[in-house]
Amino acid sequence: MVRSEYVATHEESLLLIIDFQQAMLKAIDLLKQAGAVISSTEIVIFQWALRANTDDFRKILPIVK
């Protein structure tokens, strides 16, 4: 196995982050176009629990955060 010792510069790292963010936004846009509903973990748990002011909701929420 060949191991690379190259370390990216700060600028290269920033460009990789920007590329990743742009790719992620494009993927989310494609999912929306396909009919996906974009939501958050808290909203999904709330929908499952039906109410947020329950002991079950309060127990589950820290686990998924």
PDB file of N, CA and C in Angstrom:
ATOM      1  N   MET A   1       0.836  -1.163   0.000  1.00  0.00           N
ATOM      2  CA  MET A   1       0.000   0.000   0.000  1.00  0.00           C
ATOM      3  C   MET A   1       0.890   1.238   0.000  1.00  0.00           C
ATOM      4  N   VAL A   2       0.599   2.177  -0.888  1.00  0.00           N
ATOM      5  CA  VAL A   2       1.344   3.425  -0.959  1.00  0.00           C
ATOM      6  C   VAL A   2       0.651   4.444  -0.080  1.00  0.00           C
ATOM      7  N   ARG A   3       1.428   5.083   0.752  1.00  0.00           N
ATOM      8  CA  ARG A   3       0.856   6.076   1.667  1.00  0.00           C
ATOM      9  C   ARG A   3       1.337   7.458   1.264  1.00  0.00           C
ATOM     10  N   SER A   4       0.403   8.361   1.110  1.00  0.00           N
ATOM     11  CA  SER A   4       0.735   9.721   0.715  1.00  0.00           C
ATOM     12  C   SER A   4       1.021  10.561   1.947  1.00  0.00           C
ATOM     13  N   GLU A   5       2.032  11.386   1.856  1.00  0.00           N
ATOM     14  CA  GLU A   5       2.384  12.276   2.959  1.00  0.00           C
ATOM     15  C   GLU A   5       1.956  13.715   2.663  1.00  0.00           C
ATOM     16  N   TYR A   6       1.205  13.909   1.599  1.00  0.00           N
ATOM     17  CA  TYR A   6       0.786  15.255   1.205  1.00  0.00           C
ATOM     18  C   TYR A   6      -0.239  15.798   2.186  1.00  0.00           C
ATOM     19  N   VAL A   7      -0.072  17.038   2.604  1.00  0.00           N
ATOM     20  CA  VAL A   7      -1.013  17.710   3.482  1.00  0.00           C
ATOM     21  C   VAL A   7      -1.555  18.917   2.727  1.00  0.00           C
ATOM     22  N   ALA A   8      -2.876  18.997   2.625  1.00  0.00           N
ATOM     23  CA  ALA A   8      -3.514  20.088   1.888  1.00  0.00           C
ATOM     24  C   ALA A   8      -3.266  21.428   2.576  1.00  0.00           C
ATOM     25  N   THR A   9      -3.158  22.459   1.763  1.00  0.00           N
ATOM     26  CA  THR A   9      -3.027  23.804   2.311  1.00  0.00           C
ATOM     27  C   THR A   9      -4.374  24.251   2.851  1.00  0.00           C
ATOM     28  N   HIS A  10      -4.365  25.341   3.590  1.00  0.00           N
ATOM     29  CA  HIS A  10      -5.604  25.900   4.142  1.00  0.00           C
ATOM     30  C   HIS A  10      -6.577  26.241   3.009  1.00  0.00           C
ATOM     31  N   GLU A  11      -6.054  26.852   1.953  1.00  0.00           N
ATOM     32  CA  GLU A  11      -6.903  27.235   0.821  1.00  0.00           C
ATOM     33  C   GLU A  11      -7.510  26.011   0.145  1.00  0.00           C
ATOM     34  N   GLU A  12      -6.717  24.965  -0.021  1.00  0.00           N
ATOM     35  CA  GLU A  12      -7.227  23.733  -0.628  1.00  0.00           C
ATOM     36  C   GLU A  12      -8.310  23.100   0.245  1.00  0.00           C
ATOM     37  N   SER A  13      -8.109  23.147   1.545  1.00  0.00           N
ATOM     38  CA  SER A  13      -9.113  22.605   2.464  1.00  0.00           C
ATOM     39  C   SER A  13     -10.414  23.376   2.359  1.00  0.00           C
ATOM     40  N   LEU A  14     -10.309  24.708   2.277  1.00  0.00           N
ATOM     41  CA  LEU A  14     -11.508  25.531   2.141  1.00  0.00           C
ATOM     42  C   LEU A  14     -12.233  25.228   0.834  1.00  0.00           C
ATOM     43  N   LEU A  15     -11.489  25.040  -0.235  1.00  0.00           N
ATOM     44  CA  LEU A  15     -12.108  24.719  -1.527  1.00  0.00           C
ATOM     45  C   LEU A  15     -12.824  23.371  -1.469  1.00  0.00           C
ATOM     46  N   LEU A  16     -12.243  22.405  -0.767  1.00  0.00           N
ATOM     47  CA  LEU A  16     -12.893  21.101  -0.618  1.00  0.00           C
ATOM     48  C   LEU A  16     -14.193  21.233   0.160  1.00  0.00           C
ATOM     49  N   ILE A  17     -14.180  22.058   1.200  1.00  0.00           N
ATOM     50  CA  ILE A  17     -15.392  22.270   1.997  1.00  0.00           C
ATOM     51  C   ILE A  17     -16.467  22.933   1.146  1.00  0.00           C
ATOM     52  N   ILE A  18     -16.078  23.944   0.382  1.00  0.00           N
ATOM     53  CA  ILE A  18     -17.037  24.644  -0.478  1.00  0.00           C
ATOM     54  C   ILE A  18     -17.593  23.683  -1.527  1.00  0.00           C
ATOM     55  N   ASP A  19     -16.718  22.871  -2.136  1.00  0.00           N
ATOM     56  CA  ASP A  19     -17.178  21.883  -3.121  1.00  0.00           C
ATOM     57  C   ASP A  19     -18.166  20.910  -2.492  1.00  0.00           C
ATOM     58  N   PHE A  20     -17.872  20.454  -1.278  1.00  0.00           N
ATOM     59  CA  PHE A  20     -18.763  19.530  -0.585  1.00  0.00           C
ATOM     60  C   PHE A  20     -20.112  20.181  -0.313  1.00  0.00           C
ATOM     61  N   GLN A  21     -20.081  21.429   0.172  1.00  0.00           N
ATOM     62  CA  GLN A  21     -21.330  22.135   0.466  1.00  0.00           C
ATOM     63  C   GLN A  21     -22.158  22.330  -0.796  1.00  0.00           C
ATOM     64  N   GLN A  22     -21.512  22.679  -1.898  1.00  0.00           N
ATOM     65  CA  GLN A  22     -22.232  22.865  -3.156  1.00  0.00           C
ATOM     66  C   GLN A  22     -22.828  21.543  -3.634  1.00  0.00           C
ATOM     67  N   ALA A  23     -22.076  20.456  -3.489  1.00  0.00           N
ATOM     68  CA  ALA A  23     -22.579  19.140  -3.881  1.00  0.00           C
ATOM     69  C   ALA A  23     -23.762  18.735  -3.009  1.00  0.00           C
ATOM     70  N   MET A  24     -23.683  19.023  -1.707  1.00  0.00           N
ATOM     71  CA  MET A  24     -24.772  18.690  -0.800  1.00  0.00           C
ATOM     72  C   MET A  24     -26.031  19.481  -1.151  1.00  0.00           C
ATOM     73  N   LEU A  25     -25.872  20.777  -1.427  1.00  0.00           N
ATOM     74  CA  LEU A  25     -27.025  21.598  -1.807  1.00  0.00           C
ATOM     75  C   LEU A  25     -27.635  21.119  -3.118  1.00  0.00           C
ATOM     76  N   LYS A  26     -26.798  20.714  -4.053  1.00  0.00           N
ATOM     77  CA  LYS A  26     -27.291  20.180  -5.331  1.00  0.00           C
ATOM     78  C   LYS A  26     -28.057  18.876  -5.089  1.00  0.00           C
ATOM     79  N   ALA A  27     -27.534  18.024  -4.224  1.00  0.00           N
ATOM     80  CA  ALA A  27     -28.213  16.761  -3.914  1.00  0.00           C
ATOM     81  C   ALA A  27     -29.565  17.023  -3.266  1.00  0.00           C
ATOM     82  N   ILE A  28     -29.633  17.976  -2.341  1.00  0.00           N
ATOM     83  CA  ILE A  28     -30.904  18.315  -1.695  1.00  0.00           C
ATOM     84  C   ILE A  28     -31.885  18.865  -2.718  1.00  0.00           C
ATOM     85  N   ASP A  29     -31.388  19.698  -3.638  1.00  0.00           N
ATOM     86  CA  ASP A  29     -32.243  20.243  -4.692  1.00  0.00           C
ATOM     87  C   ASP A  29     -32.808  19.124  -5.575  1.00  0.00           C
ATOM     88  N   LEU A  30     -31.968  18.161  -5.926  1.00  0.00           N
ATOM     89  CA  LEU A  30     -32.431  17.027  -6.738  1.00  0.00           C
ATOM     90  C   LEU A  30     -33.475  16.205  -5.977  1.00  0.00           C
ATOM     91  N   LEU A  31     -33.269  16.011  -4.675  1.00  0.00           N
ATOM     92  CA  LEU A  31     -34.245  15.281  -3.872  1.00  0.00           C
ATOM     93  C   LEU A  31     -35.589  16.008  -3.836  1.00  0.00           C
ATOM     94  N   LYS A  32     -35.535  17.345  -3.676  1.00  0.00           N
ATOM     95  CA  LYS A  32     -36.772  18.138  -3.687  1.00  0.00           C
ATOM     96  C   LYS A  32     -37.493  17.998  -5.017  1.00  0.00           C
ATOM     97  N   GLN A  33     -36.727  18.070  -6.111  1.00  0.00           N
ATOM     98  CA  GLN A  33     -37.326  17.946  -7.440  1.00  0.00           C
ATOM     99  C   GLN A  33     -37.987  16.580  -7.630  1.00  0.00           C
ATOM    100  N   ALA A  34     -37.459  15.578  -6.949  1.00  0.00           N
ATOM    101  CA  ALA A  34     -38.014  14.229  -7.045  1.00  0.00           C
ATOM    102  C   ALA A  34     -39.192  14.022  -6.095  1.00  0.00           C
ATOM    103  N   GLY A  35     -39.522  15.066  -5.323  1.00  0.00           N
ATOM    104  CA  GLY A  35     -40.679  14.970  -4.436  1.00  0.00           C
ATOM    105  C   GLY A  35     -40.367  14.721  -2.973  1.00  0.00           C
ATOM    106  N   ALA A  36     -39.097  14.703  -2.617  1.00  0.00           N
ATOM    107  CA  ALA A  36     -38.734  14.486  -1.218  1.00  0.00           C
ATOM    108  C   ALA A  36     -39.130  15.692  -0.382  1.00  0.00           C
ATOM    109  N   VAL A  37     -39.490  15.425   0.845  1.00  0.00           N
ATOM    110  CA  VAL A  37     -39.804  16.487   1.797  1.00  0.00           C
ATOM    111  C   VAL A  37     -38.593  16.627   2.716  1.00  0.00           C
ATOM    112  N   ILE A  38     -37.982  17.802   2.707  1.00  0.00           N
ATOM    113  CA  ILE A  38     -36.807  18.050   3.532  1.00  0.00           C
ATOM    114  C   ILE A  38     -37.287  18.499   4.910  1.00  0.00           C
ATOM    115  N   SER A  39     -36.753  17.852   5.942  1.00  0.00           N
ATOM    116  CA  SER A  39     -37.217  18.122   7.295  1.00  0.00           C
ATOM    117  C   SER A  39     -36.045  18.042   8.251  1.00  0.00           C
ATOM    118  N   SER A  40     -36.328  18.179   9.537  1.00  0.00           N
ATOM    119  CA  SER A  40     -35.297  18.047  10.565  1.00  0.00           C
ATOM    120  C   SER A  40     -35.625  16.857  11.459  1.00  0.00           C
ATOM    121  N   THR A  41     -34.639  16.431  12.195  1.00  0.00           N
ATOM    122  CA  THR A  41     -34.823  15.316  13.121  1.00  0.00           C
ATOM    123  C   THR A  41     -35.932  15.615  14.126  1.00  0.00           C
ATOM    124  N   GLU A  42     -35.905  16.843  14.665  1.00  0.00           N
ATOM    125  CA  GLU A  42     -36.894  17.222  15.673  1.00  0.00           C
ATOM    126  C   GLU A  42     -38.315  17.143  15.118  1.00  0.00           C
ATOM    127  N   ILE A  43     -38.515  17.592  13.890  1.00  0.00           N
ATOM    128  CA  ILE A  43     -39.848  17.556  13.271  1.00  0.00           C
ATOM    129  C   ILE A  43     -40.304  16.118  13.070  1.00  0.00           C
ATOM    130  N   VAL A  44     -39.407  15.259  12.613  1.00  0.00           N
ATOM    131  CA  VAL A  44     -39.777  13.850  12.404  1.00  0.00           C
ATOM    132  C   VAL A  44     -40.170  13.199  13.720  1.00  0.00           C
ATOM    133  N   ILE A  45     -39.388  13.432  14.768  1.00  0.00           N
ATOM    134  CA  ILE A  45     -39.719  12.862  16.079  1.00  0.00           C
ATOM    135  C   ILE A  45     -41.052  13.404  16.568  1.00  0.00           C
ATOM    136  N   PHE A  46     -41.269  14.706  16.386  1.00  0.00           N
ATOM    137  CA  PHE A  46     -42.532  15.308  16.789  1.00  0.00           C
ATOM    138  C   PHE A  46     -43.690  14.641  16.048  1.00  0.00           C
ATOM    139  N   GLN A  47     -43.526  14.404  14.747  1.00  0.00           N
ATOM    140  CA  GLN A  47     -44.583  13.745  13.969  1.00  0.00           C
ATOM    141  C   GLN A  47     -44.823  12.324  14.470  1.00  0.00           C
ATOM    142  N   TRP A  48     -43.752  11.622  14.836  1.00  0.00           N
ATOM    143  CA  TRP A  48     -43.904  10.261  15.355  1.00  0.00           C
ATOM    144  C   TRP A  48     -44.577  10.270  16.725  1.00  0.00           C
ATOM    145  N   ALA A  49     -44.171  11.197  17.579  1.00  0.00           N
ATOM    146  CA  ALA A  49     -44.689  11.239  18.942  1.00  0.00           C
ATOM    147  C   ALA A  49     -46.069  11.910  19.014  1.00  0.00           C
ATOM    148  N   LEU A  50     -46.429  12.651  17.968  1.00  0.00           N
ATOM    149  CA  LEU A  50     -47.684  13.373  17.851  1.00  0.00           C
ATOM    150  C   LEU A  50     -47.753  14.623  18.734  1.00  0.00           C
ATOM    151  N   ARG A  51     -47.008  14.638  19.815  1.00  0.00           N
ATOM    152  CA  ARG A  51     -46.970  15.813  20.685  1.00  0.00           C
ATOM    153  C   ARG A  51     -45.559  15.959  21.244  1.00  0.00           C
ATOM    154  N   ALA A  52     -45.116  17.202  21.377  1.00  0.00           N
ATOM    155  CA  ALA A  52     -43.762  17.440  21.888  1.00  0.00           C
ATOM    156  C   ALA A  52     -43.724  17.507  23.409  1.00  0.00           C
ATOM    157  N   ASN A  53     -44.835  17.731  24.045  1.00  0.00           N
ATOM    158  CA  ASN A  53     -44.835  17.900  25.506  1.00  0.00           C
ATOM    159  C   ASN A  53     -45.078  16.588  26.246  1.00  0.00           C
ATOM    160  N   THR A  54     -44.531  15.508  25.710  1.00  0.00           N
ATOM    161  CA  THR A  54     -44.690  14.209  26.364  1.00  0.00           C
ATOM    162  C   THR A  54     -43.344  13.734  26.897  1.00  0.00           C
ATOM    163  N   ASP A  55     -43.402  12.846  27.862  1.00  0.00           N
ATOM    164  CA  ASP A  55     -42.169  12.262  28.400  1.00  0.00           C
ATOM    165  C   ASP A  55     -41.423  11.486  27.325  1.00  0.00           C
ATOM    166  N   ASP A  56     -42.160  10.772  26.475  1.00  0.00           N
ATOM    167  CA  ASP A  56     -41.521  10.002  25.399  1.00  0.00           C
ATOM    168  C   ASP A  56     -40.723  10.908  24.470  1.00  0.00           C
ATOM    169  N   PHE A  57     -41.292  12.019  24.080  1.00  0.00           N
ATOM    170  CA  PHE A  57     -40.604  12.961  23.198  1.00  0.00           C
ATOM    171  C   PHE A  57     -39.334  13.484  23.866  1.00  0.00           C
ATOM    172  N   ARG A  58     -39.434  13.864  25.124  1.00  0.00           N
ATOM    173  CA  ARG A  58     -38.282  14.407  25.839  1.00  0.00           C
ATOM    174  C   ARG A  58     -37.185  13.346  26.037  1.00  0.00           C
ATOM    175  N   LYS A  59     -37.557  12.087  26.165  1.00  0.00           N
ATOM    176  CA  LYS A  59     -36.579  11.014  26.314  1.00  0.00           C
ATOM    177  C   LYS A  59     -35.851  10.738  25.005  1.00  0.00           C
ATOM    178  N   ILE A  60     -36.574  10.769  23.896  1.00  0.00           N
ATOM    179  CA  ILE A  60     -36.000  10.418  22.597  1.00  0.00           C
ATOM    180  C   ILE A  60     -35.119  11.532  22.044  1.00  0.00           C
ATOM    181  N   LEU A  61     -35.532  12.775  22.219  1.00  0.00           N
ATOM    182  CA  LEU A  61     -34.850  13.912  21.597  1.00  0.00           C
ATOM    183  C   LEU A  61     -33.352  13.963  21.859  1.00  0.00           C
ATOM    184  N   PRO A  62     -32.859  13.815  23.099  1.00  0.00           N
ATOM    185  CA  PRO A  62     -31.402  13.889  23.303  1.00  0.00           C
ATOM    186  C   PRO A  62     -30.631  12.776  22.601  1.00  0.00           C
ATOM    187  N   ILE A  63     -31.266  11.639  22.411  1.00  0.00           N
ATOM    188  CA  ILE A  63     -30.597  10.500  21.770  1.00  0.00           C
ATOM    189  C   ILE A  63     -30.254  10.808  20.322  1.00  0.00           C
ATOM    190  N   VAL A  64     -31.144  11.475  19.631  1.00  0.00           N
ATOM    191  CA  VAL A  64     -30.939  11.711  18.195  1.00  0.00           C
ATOM    192  C   VAL A  64     -30.221  13.012  17.883  1.00  0.00           C
ATOM    193  N   LYS A  65     -30.025  13.841  18.868  1.00  0.00           N
ATOM    194  CA  LYS A  65     -29.302  15.097  18.626  1.00  0.00           C
ATOM    195  C   LYS A  65     -27.825  14.882  18.555  1.00  0.00           C
TER     196      LYS A  65
END
